[in-house]
Each structure stands twice: as C-alpha cells, then as structure tokens.
Amino acid sequence: MKPLAQLTARLAYEFSDIDLARAALTHRSAGGKNNERLEFLGDALLDLVISEQLYHLRPQANEGDLSRLRASLVRRDALARLAGELDLGDYLALGPGELRSGGYRRKSILADALEALLGAIYLDGGYTRASEVVLALYRESLEKLPDAAELRDPKTLLQERLQARGLDRPEYRVDQVAGEAHQQRFTVVCQVSAFDVETRGEGSSRRRAEQAAARAALDEISDEPAA
C-alpha cells in the first residue's frame, strides 16, 4: 500500500483528521470502520457539485438533459476512471478475499472509495474545499461536455423522433429467449409502422435487447420518408 501522503498531494488536499482519509479507503471486507457511510455522503456531495456546475455551464438545457449529463459524469464507470487516474487502488485497505480476487481493480470498489474520499474531505474541510477537489478532478470532463442529445438512449431517441413527426410510437415484442436462467439471451423485435420498418436486437436482458433493436431502427429510418 502506498503512503497516503502521495494521494493527498495528488488531490492537493491535506487532511486535518487523517483518520477520515483512512476510513474512506477501507473497504468493508477489511473489517472495522469502513467507508460505506462516507460513500453515502460523498455521493450526495458529488451530485450537488456537478449539478451546480451543469446548471451554469448549460443555461439553455432542460431538466432532462441536465440529468443525463450529470448521470454520465457520476456513473460508476466515470468514477472508476477518475479513481484509476489517481491510482486509488494502491491505497485501499481490503480483506484477504478481495485482495486475492483483485478487488483493488474492481470498478465498484474504486468508484465507492472515490465517493467516500470526497465525503471525508467534505467532513474534514467543508463544502468549499470539497467542491474545489471535485472540480479539479472533473476539470477535463466539464470542459469537454457532450451534446446532451448524444446521451439519450436509442429507445428515447426513436420515440422522440417519431413524436416530432406526429407518428405512432414504436412497438416492441420479445421474439425469443434462449439460454439458462442465469445466462439468458433475449431477442426483441422493434416495429415502426409509419416507416414499414422491423428490426431485431439481442441482449442479456430485455431492456438491452430493446435498446439494440431501437438503435437498428434509428439507422433504418434516418433518411427515410414516412410511409
């Protein structure tokens, strides 16, 4: 495990109560005081800081677009990527089982630990300092925000495109379910009557299959006139 001073130097934050930092980096598998409560606090802090920034950065965006942008920034993969850039796994206290299974590389553990660390900074230094750390971590992501429309899932995009033309919603039906209960594969058909289009999508869940079918339908109707 690397010295904690290296991590605090990278965050440009010095803890007054170093025990808060140690708790933030302690997974429940290690026993004793762990980071679950701090994770809860950090999650709320992160939502507020990012929401405030998006509110100012995208003054014309509606609530739905702001929510999609925020979700893209605070989802597990995004947090795990930031944690990876900090080499956060090198500072974690894990139980023997998690160590053997490579828990220090697991996205869920890294994301939770980063949230807990932000919660610890909030308790230690207050909202202003904690928000400064959050914004430093997210500087590049906030500078390169995508168009909110790019974050809409295919089903939503397809429905919005049809509704904008006054057309009926697409219809979805499960065409096939294959495999064992714990490894099922779904095939879903998406029918867009106005364009006489029928597409199929596959996925490990009905929702994923529907999204794949909707994506295929979007490709089909992108330049087609309605029937």
C-alpha atoms as a PDB file:
ATOM      1  CA  MET A   1       0.000   0.000   0.000  1.00  0.00           C
ATOM      2  CA  LYS A   2       1.400   3.404  -0.988  1.00  0.00           C
ATOM      3  CA  PRO A   3       1.901   6.166   1.604  1.00  0.00           C
ATOM      4  CA  LEU A   4      -1.277   8.209   1.992  1.00  0.00           C
ATOM      5  CA  ALA A   5       0.719  11.435   1.637  1.00  0.00           C
ATOM      6  CA  GLN A   6       1.194  10.681  -2.061  1.00  0.00           C
ATOM      7  CA  LEU A   7      -2.538  10.565  -2.613  1.00  0.00           C
ATOM      8  CA  THR A   8      -3.290  13.744  -0.678  1.00  0.00           C
ATOM      9  CA  ALA A   9      -0.555  15.515  -2.648  1.00  0.00           C
ATOM     10  CA  ARG A  10      -2.206  14.485  -5.934  1.00  0.00           C
ATOM     11  CA  LEU A  11      -5.536  15.753  -4.651  1.00  0.00           C
ATOM     12  CA  ALA A  12      -3.922  18.988  -3.437  1.00  0.00           C
ATOM     13  CA  TYR A  13      -5.701  18.479  -0.135  1.00  0.00           C
ATOM     14  CA  GLU A  14      -4.198  17.981   3.323  1.00  0.00           C
ATOM     15  CA  PHE A  15      -6.395  16.276   5.905  1.00  0.00           C
ATOM     16  CA  SER A  16      -6.670  17.710   9.396  1.00  0.00           C
ATOM     17  CA  ASP A  17      -8.113  14.391  10.550  1.00  0.00           C
ATOM     18  CA  ILE A  18      -6.168  11.683   8.741  1.00  0.00           C
ATOM     19  CA  ASP A  19      -8.400   9.004  10.259  1.00  0.00           C
ATOM     20  CA  LEU A  20     -11.186  10.212   7.975  1.00  0.00           C
ATOM     21  CA  ALA A  21      -8.999   9.521   4.955  1.00  0.00           C
ATOM     22  CA  ARG A  22      -8.079   6.082   6.263  1.00  0.00           C
ATOM     23  CA  ALA A  23     -11.746   5.227   6.829  1.00  0.00           C
ATOM     24  CA  ALA A  24     -12.603   6.394   3.320  1.00  0.00           C
ATOM     25  CA  LEU A  25     -10.062   3.996   1.877  1.00  0.00           C
ATOM     26  CA  THR A  26     -11.102   0.992   3.976  1.00  0.00           C
ATOM     27  CA  HIS A  27     -13.403  -1.499   2.294  1.00  0.00           C
ATOM     28  CA  ARG A  28     -15.926  -3.351   4.447  1.00  0.00           C
ATOM     29  CA  SER A  29     -14.090  -6.617   3.713  1.00  0.00           C
ATOM     30  CA  ALA A  30     -11.168  -5.347   5.801  1.00  0.00           C
ATOM     31  CA  GLY A  31     -13.318  -5.250   8.954  1.00  0.00           C
ATOM     32  CA  GLY A  32     -13.655  -2.443  11.476  1.00  0.00           C
ATOM     33  CA  LYS A  33     -14.579   1.078  10.464  1.00  0.00           C
ATOM     34  CA  ASN A  34     -15.141   1.189   6.702  1.00  0.00           C
ATOM     35  CA  ASN A  35     -16.130   3.634   4.004  1.00  0.00           C
ATOM     36  CA  GLU A  36     -19.830   2.852   3.461  1.00  0.00           C
ATOM     37  CA  ARG A  37     -21.212   5.839   5.396  1.00  0.00           C
ATOM     38  CA  LEU A  38     -18.663   8.196   3.847  1.00  0.00           C
ATOM     39  CA  GLU A  39     -19.597   6.857   0.423  1.00  0.00           C
ATOM     40  CA  PHE A  40     -23.217   7.841   1.074  1.00  0.00           C
ATOM     41  CA  LEU A  41     -22.117  11.373   1.957  1.00  0.00           C
ATOM     42  CA  GLY A  42     -19.721  11.671  -0.974  1.00  0.00           C
ATOM     43  CA  ASP A  43     -22.378  10.544  -3.411  1.00  0.00           C
ATOM     44  CA  ALA A  44     -24.669  13.379  -2.304  1.00  0.00           C
ATOM     45  CA  LEU A  45     -21.832  15.906  -2.414  1.00  0.00           C
ATOM     46  CA  LEU A  46     -20.846  14.845  -5.908  1.00  0.00           C
ATOM     47  CA  ASP A  47     -24.401  15.153  -7.195  1.00  0.00           C
ATOM     48  CA  LEU A  48     -24.720  18.671  -5.800  1.00  0.00           C
ATOM     49  CA  VAL A  49     -21.363  19.983  -7.051  1.00  0.00           C
ATOM     50  CA  ILE A  50     -21.793  18.547 -10.545  1.00  0.00           C
ATOM     51  CA  SER A  51     -25.433  19.678 -10.723  1.00  0.00           C
ATOM     52  CA  GLU A  52     -24.439  23.228  -9.804  1.00  0.00           C
ATOM     53  CA  GLN A  53     -21.727  23.304 -12.458  1.00  0.00           C
ATOM     54  CA  LEU A  54     -24.006  21.934 -15.168  1.00  0.00           C
ATOM     55  CA  TYR A  55     -26.687  24.463 -14.243  1.00  0.00           C
ATOM     56  CA  HIS A  56     -24.237  27.281 -15.007  1.00  0.00           C
ATOM     57  CA  LEU A  57     -22.443  25.655 -17.943  1.00  0.00           C
ATOM     58  CA  ARG A  58     -25.614  24.741 -19.835  1.00  0.00           C
ATOM     59  CA  PRO A  59     -28.088  27.591 -19.161  1.00  0.00           C
ATOM     60  CA  GLN A  60     -30.389  26.516 -22.008  1.00  0.00           C
ATOM     61  CA  ALA A  61     -30.563  22.813 -21.083  1.00  0.00           C
ATOM     62  CA  ASN A  62     -33.798  21.426 -19.695  1.00  0.00           C
ATOM     63  CA  GLU A  63     -34.061  19.231 -16.612  1.00  0.00           C
ATOM     64  CA  GLY A  64     -33.924  16.003 -18.600  1.00  0.00           C
ATOM     65  CA  ASP A  65     -30.758  16.987 -20.440  1.00  0.00           C
ATOM     66  CA  LEU A  66     -29.111  18.185 -17.229  1.00  0.00           C
ATOM     67  CA  SER A  67     -29.971  14.886 -15.559  1.00  0.00           C
ATOM     68  CA  ARG A  68     -28.492  12.895 -18.442  1.00  0.00           C
ATOM     69  CA  LEU A  69     -25.305  14.948 -18.390  1.00  0.00           C
ATOM     70  CA  ARG A  70     -24.951  14.525 -14.639  1.00  0.00           C
ATOM     71  CA  ALA A  71     -25.561  10.780 -14.876  1.00  0.00           C
ATOM     72  CA  SER A  72     -22.822  10.465 -17.486  1.00  0.00           C
ATOM     73  CA  LEU A  73     -20.357  12.186 -15.151  1.00  0.00           C
ATOM     74  CA  VAL A  74     -21.165  10.432 -11.866  1.00  0.00           C
ATOM     75  CA  ARG A  75     -21.901   6.897 -13.099  1.00  0.00           C
ATOM     76  CA  ARG A  76     -19.725   4.051 -11.866  1.00  0.00           C
ATOM     77  CA  ASP A  77     -17.526   3.853 -14.973  1.00  0.00           C
ATOM     78  CA  ALA A  78     -16.727   7.571 -14.839  1.00  0.00           C
ATOM     79  CA  LEU A  79     -15.875   7.424 -11.146  1.00  0.00           C
ATOM     80  CA  ALA A  80     -13.754   4.303 -11.608  1.00  0.00           C
ATOM     81  CA  ARG A  81     -11.832   6.020 -14.408  1.00  0.00           C
ATOM     82  CA  LEU A  82     -11.071   9.006 -12.171  1.00  0.00           C
ATOM     83  CA  ALA A  83     -10.078   6.652  -9.360  1.00  0.00           C
ATOM     84  CA  GLY A  84      -7.776   4.848 -11.766  1.00  0.00           C
ATOM     85  CA  GLU A  85      -6.091   8.115 -12.725  1.00  0.00           C
ATOM     86  CA  LEU A  86      -5.369   8.627  -9.018  1.00  0.00           C
ATOM     87  CA  ASP A  87      -4.117   5.027  -8.637  1.00  0.00           C
ATOM     88  CA  LEU A  88      -6.662   4.812  -5.835  1.00  0.00           C
ATOM     89  CA  GLY A  89      -6.494   1.025  -5.753  1.00  0.00           C
ATOM     90  CA  ASP A  90      -2.928   1.282  -4.430  1.00  0.00           C
ATOM     91  CA  TYR A  91      -4.198   2.988  -1.271  1.00  0.00           C
ATOM     92  CA  LEU A  92      -7.133   0.734  -0.406  1.00  0.00           C
ATOM     93  CA  ALA A  93      -7.372  -1.455   2.672  1.00  0.00           C
ATOM     94  CA  LEU A  94      -9.069  -4.688   1.599  1.00  0.00           C
ATOM     95  CA  GLY A  95      -9.806  -8.002   3.248  1.00  0.00           C
ATOM     96  CA  PRO A  96      -7.857 -11.123   2.213  1.00  0.00           C
ATOM     97  CA  GLY A  97     -10.618 -12.358  -0.077  1.00  0.00           C
ATOM     98  CA  GLU A  98     -10.847  -9.088  -2.011  1.00  0.00           C
ATOM     99  CA  LEU A  99      -7.074  -8.895  -2.252  1.00  0.00           C
ATOM    100  CA  ARG A 100      -6.881 -12.365  -3.768  1.00  0.00           C
ATOM    101  CA  SER A 101      -9.655 -11.617  -6.255  1.00  0.00           C
ATOM    102  CA  GLY A 102      -8.143  -8.309  -7.358  1.00  0.00           C
ATOM    103  CA  GLY A 103     -10.648  -6.066  -5.602  1.00  0.00           C
ATOM    104  CA  TYR A 104      -8.314  -3.084  -5.911  1.00  0.00           C
ATOM    105  CA  ARG A 105      -9.077  -3.135  -9.662  1.00  0.00           C
ATOM    106  CA  ARG A 106     -12.842  -3.643  -9.378  1.00  0.00           C
ATOM    107  CA  LYS A 107     -14.829  -0.689 -10.718  1.00  0.00           C
ATOM    108  CA  SER A 108     -17.468  -0.801  -7.997  1.00  0.00           C
ATOM    109  CA  ILE A 109     -14.872  -0.747  -5.203  1.00  0.00           C
ATOM    110  CA  LEU A 110     -12.872   2.049  -6.844  1.00  0.00           C
ATOM    111  CA  ALA A 111     -15.961   4.170  -7.509  1.00  0.00           C
ATOM    112  CA  ASP A 112     -17.252   3.715  -3.965  1.00  0.00           C
ATOM    113  CA  ALA A 113     -13.853   4.572  -2.497  1.00  0.00           C
ATOM    114  CA  LEU A 114     -13.616   7.785  -4.502  1.00  0.00           C
ATOM    115  CA  GLU A 115     -17.069   8.861  -3.319  1.00  0.00           C
ATOM    116  CA  ALA A 116     -16.080   8.024   0.259  1.00  0.00           C
ATOM    117  CA  LEU A 117     -12.882  10.033  -0.075  1.00  0.00           C
ATOM    118  CA  LEU A 118     -14.850  13.054  -1.276  1.00  0.00           C
ATOM    119  CA  GLY A 119     -17.222  12.608   1.664  1.00  0.00           C
ATOM    120  CA  ALA A 120     -14.246  12.536   4.012  1.00  0.00           C
ATOM    121  CA  ILE A 121     -12.865  15.735   2.503  1.00  0.00           C
ATOM    122  CA  TYR A 122     -16.246  17.396   2.985  1.00  0.00           C
ATOM    123  CA  LEU A 123     -16.346  16.454   6.668  1.00  0.00           C
ATOM    124  CA  ASP A 124     -12.731  17.466   7.151  1.00  0.00           C
ATOM    125  CA  GLY A 125     -12.601  20.725   5.228  1.00  0.00           C
ATOM    126  CA  GLY A 126     -16.151  21.814   4.442  1.00  0.00           C
ATOM    127  CA  TYR A 127     -18.155  22.256   1.272  1.00  0.00           C
ATOM    128  CA  THR A 128     -15.995  24.862  -0.455  1.00  0.00           C
ATOM    129  CA  ARG A 129     -12.775  22.848  -0.238  1.00  0.00           C
ATOM    130  CA  ALA A 130     -14.545  19.636  -1.139  1.00  0.00           C
ATOM    131  CA  SER A 131     -16.148  21.232  -4.190  1.00  0.00           C
ATOM    132  CA  GLU A 132     -12.722  22.536  -5.272  1.00  0.00           C
ATOM    133  CA  VAL A 133     -11.354  18.989  -5.179  1.00  0.00           C
ATOM    134  CA  VAL A 134     -14.343  17.683  -7.146  1.00  0.00           C
ATOM    135  CA  LEU A 135     -13.981  20.373  -9.809  1.00  0.00           C
ATOM    136  CA  ALA A 136     -10.256  19.722 -10.126  1.00  0.00           C
ATOM    137  CA  LEU A 137     -10.954  16.025 -10.704  1.00  0.00           C
ATOM    138  CA  TYR A 138     -13.647  16.828 -13.267  1.00  0.00           C
ATOM    139  CA  ARG A 139     -11.978  19.763 -14.999  1.00  0.00           C
ATOM    140  CA  GLU A 140     -11.332  17.966 -18.284  1.00  0.00           C
ATOM    141  CA  SER A 141     -14.721  16.231 -18.331  1.00  0.00           C
ATOM    142  CA  LEU A 142     -16.554  19.505 -17.712  1.00  0.00           C
ATOM    143  CA  GLU A 143     -14.556  21.244 -20.432  1.00  0.00           C
ATOM    144  CA  LYS A 144     -15.498  18.531 -22.930  1.00  0.00           C
ATOM    145  CA  LEU A 145     -19.174  18.059 -22.167  1.00  0.00           C
ATOM    146  CA  PRO A 146     -21.013  16.251 -24.974  1.00  0.00           C
ATOM    147  CA  ASP A 147     -24.255  17.414 -26.520  1.00  0.00           C
ATOM    148  CA  ALA A 148     -26.971  16.150 -24.190  1.00  0.00           C
ATOM    149  CA  ALA A 149     -28.786  14.642 -27.172  1.00  0.00           C
ATOM    150  CA  GLU A 150     -25.873  12.234 -27.645  1.00  0.00           C
ATOM    151  CA  LEU A 151     -26.605  10.788 -24.197  1.00  0.00           C
ATOM    152  CA  ARG A 152     -30.213   9.869 -24.890  1.00  0.00           C
ATOM    153  CA  ASP A 153     -30.686   6.120 -25.130  1.00  0.00           C
ATOM    154  CA  PRO A 154     -31.828   4.719 -28.516  1.00  0.00           C
ATOM    155  CA  LYS A 155     -35.402   3.992 -27.336  1.00  0.00           C
ATOM    156  CA  THR A 156     -35.848   7.586 -26.189  1.00  0.00           C
ATOM    157  CA  LEU A 157     -34.306   8.994 -29.361  1.00  0.00           C
ATOM    158  CA  LEU A 158     -36.502   6.824 -31.561  1.00  0.00           C
ATOM    159  CA  GLN A 159     -39.672   7.779 -29.706  1.00  0.00           C
ATOM    160  CA  GLU A 160     -38.790  11.488 -29.758  1.00  0.00           C
ATOM    161  CA  ARG A 161     -38.056  11.368 -33.476  1.00  0.00           C
ATOM    162  CA  LEU A 162     -41.405   9.747 -34.243  1.00  0.00           C
ATOM    163  CA  GLN A 163     -43.370  12.027 -31.928  1.00  0.00           C
ATOM    164  CA  ALA A 164     -41.769  15.091 -33.506  1.00  0.00           C
ATOM    165  CA  ARG A 165     -43.377  13.984 -36.802  1.00  0.00           C
ATOM    166  CA  GLY A 166     -46.708  13.193 -35.184  1.00  0.00           C
ATOM    167  CA  LEU A 167     -46.226   9.459 -35.767  1.00  0.00           C
ATOM    168  CA  ASP A 168     -47.169   6.494 -33.592  1.00  0.00           C
ATOM    169  CA  ARG A 169     -44.739   5.124 -31.048  1.00  0.00           C
ATOM    170  CA  PRO A 170     -42.665   2.059 -31.935  1.00  0.00           C
ATOM    171  CA  GLU A 171     -43.836  -1.316 -30.697  1.00  0.00           C
ATOM    172  CA  TYR A 172     -41.560  -3.873 -29.049  1.00  0.00           C
ATOM    173  CA  ARG A 173     -42.115  -7.586 -28.571  1.00  0.00           C
ATOM    174  CA  VAL A 174     -39.913 -10.375 -27.304  1.00  0.00           C
ATOM    175  CA  ASP A 175     -39.254 -12.755 -30.179  1.00  0.00           C
ATOM    176  CA  GLN A 176     -37.020 -15.281 -28.435  1.00  0.00           C
ATOM    177  CA  VAL A 177     -35.435 -16.090 -25.075  1.00  0.00           C
ATOM    178  CA  ALA A 178     -32.563 -18.556 -25.144  1.00  0.00           C
ATOM    179  CA  GLY A 179     -30.123 -19.996 -22.628  1.00  0.00           C
ATOM    180  CA  GLU A 180     -30.189 -20.932 -18.956  1.00  0.00           C
ATOM    181  CA  ALA A 181     -31.951 -18.746 -16.424  1.00  0.00           C
ATOM    182  CA  HIS A 182     -28.716 -17.077 -15.287  1.00  0.00           C
ATOM    183  CA  GLN A 183     -27.340 -16.612 -18.832  1.00  0.00           C
ATOM    184  CA  GLN A 184     -30.361 -15.782 -20.945  1.00  0.00           C
ATOM    185  CA  ARG A 185     -30.195 -14.020 -24.298  1.00  0.00           C
ATOM    186  CA  PHE A 186     -33.194 -12.005 -25.409  1.00  0.00           C
ATOM    187  CA  THR A 187     -34.189 -11.202 -28.968  1.00  0.00           C
ATOM    188  CA  VAL A 188     -36.622  -8.303 -29.322  1.00  0.00           C
ATOM    189  CA  VAL A 189     -38.395  -7.009 -32.407  1.00  0.00           C
ATOM    190  CA  CYS A 190     -38.963  -3.278 -32.850  1.00  0.00           C
ATOM    191  CA  GLN A 191     -41.729  -2.353 -35.303  1.00  0.00           C
ATOM    192  CA  VAL A 192     -42.093   1.174 -36.679  1.00  0.00           C
ATOM    193  CA  SER A 193     -45.300   1.054 -38.695  1.00  0.00           C
ATOM    194  CA  ALA A 194     -45.031   4.530 -40.222  1.00  0.00           C
ATOM    195  CA  PHE A 195     -41.810   3.543 -41.987  1.00  0.00           C
ATOM    196  CA  ASP A 196     -42.709  -0.116 -42.554  1.00  0.00           C
ATOM    197  CA  VAL A 197     -39.551  -0.968 -40.600  1.00  0.00           C
ATOM    198  CA  GLU A 198     -38.988  -4.023 -38.421  1.00  0.00           C
ATOM    199  CA  THR A 199     -35.655  -4.561 -36.701  1.00  0.00           C
ATOM    200  CA  ARG A 200     -34.229  -7.016 -34.202  1.00  0.00           C
ATOM    201  CA  GLY A 201     -31.893  -6.595 -31.279  1.00  0.00           C
ATOM    202  CA  GLU A 202     -30.209  -9.009 -28.889  1.00  0.00           C
ATOM    203  CA  GLY A 203     -29.028  -8.580 -25.330  1.00  0.00           C
ATOM    204  CA  SER A 204     -28.532 -10.179 -21.949  1.00  0.00           C
ATOM    205  CA  SER A 205     -31.746  -8.525 -20.740  1.00  0.00           C
ATOM    206  CA  ARG A 206     -34.995  -7.464 -22.365  1.00  0.00           C
ATOM    207  CA  ARG A 207     -34.075  -3.818 -21.886  1.00  0.00           C
ATOM    208  CA  ARG A 208     -30.718  -4.212 -23.633  1.00  0.00           C
ATOM    209  CA  ALA A 209     -32.322  -6.102 -26.488  1.00  0.00           C
ATOM    210  CA  GLU A 210     -34.928  -3.360 -26.879  1.00  0.00           C
ATOM    211  CA  GLN A 211     -32.205  -0.715 -26.975  1.00  0.00           C
ATOM    212  CA  ALA A 212     -30.316  -2.668 -29.640  1.00  0.00           C
ATOM    213  CA  ALA A 213     -33.488  -3.038 -31.739  1.00  0.00           C
ATOM    214  CA  ALA A 214     -34.246   0.684 -31.357  1.00  0.00           C
ATOM    215  CA  ARG A 215     -30.715   1.570 -32.427  1.00  0.00           C
ATOM    216  CA  ALA A 216     -31.130  -0.561 -35.556  1.00  0.00           C
ATOM    217  CA  ALA A 217     -34.474   1.116 -36.272  1.00  0.00           C
ATOM    218  CA  LEU A 218     -32.898   4.565 -35.985  1.00  0.00           C
ATOM    219  CA  ASP A 219     -30.307   3.543 -38.562  1.00  0.00           C
ATOM    220  CA  GLU A 220     -33.068   2.300 -40.872  1.00  0.00           C
ATOM    221  CA  ILE A 221     -35.274   5.401 -40.743  1.00  0.00           C
ATOM    222  CA  SER A 222     -32.629   8.128 -40.537  1.00  0.00           C
ATOM    223  CA  ASP A 223     -33.184   9.285 -44.116  1.00  0.00           C
ATOM    224  CA  GLU A 224     -36.456   7.534 -44.986  1.00  0.00           C
ATOM    225  CA  PRO A 225     -39.707   9.404 -45.577  1.00  0.00           C
ATOM    226  CA  ALA A 226     -42.693   8.156 -43.597  1.00  0.00           C
ATOM    227  CA  ALA A 227     -44.939   5.689 -45.414  1.00  0.00           C
END
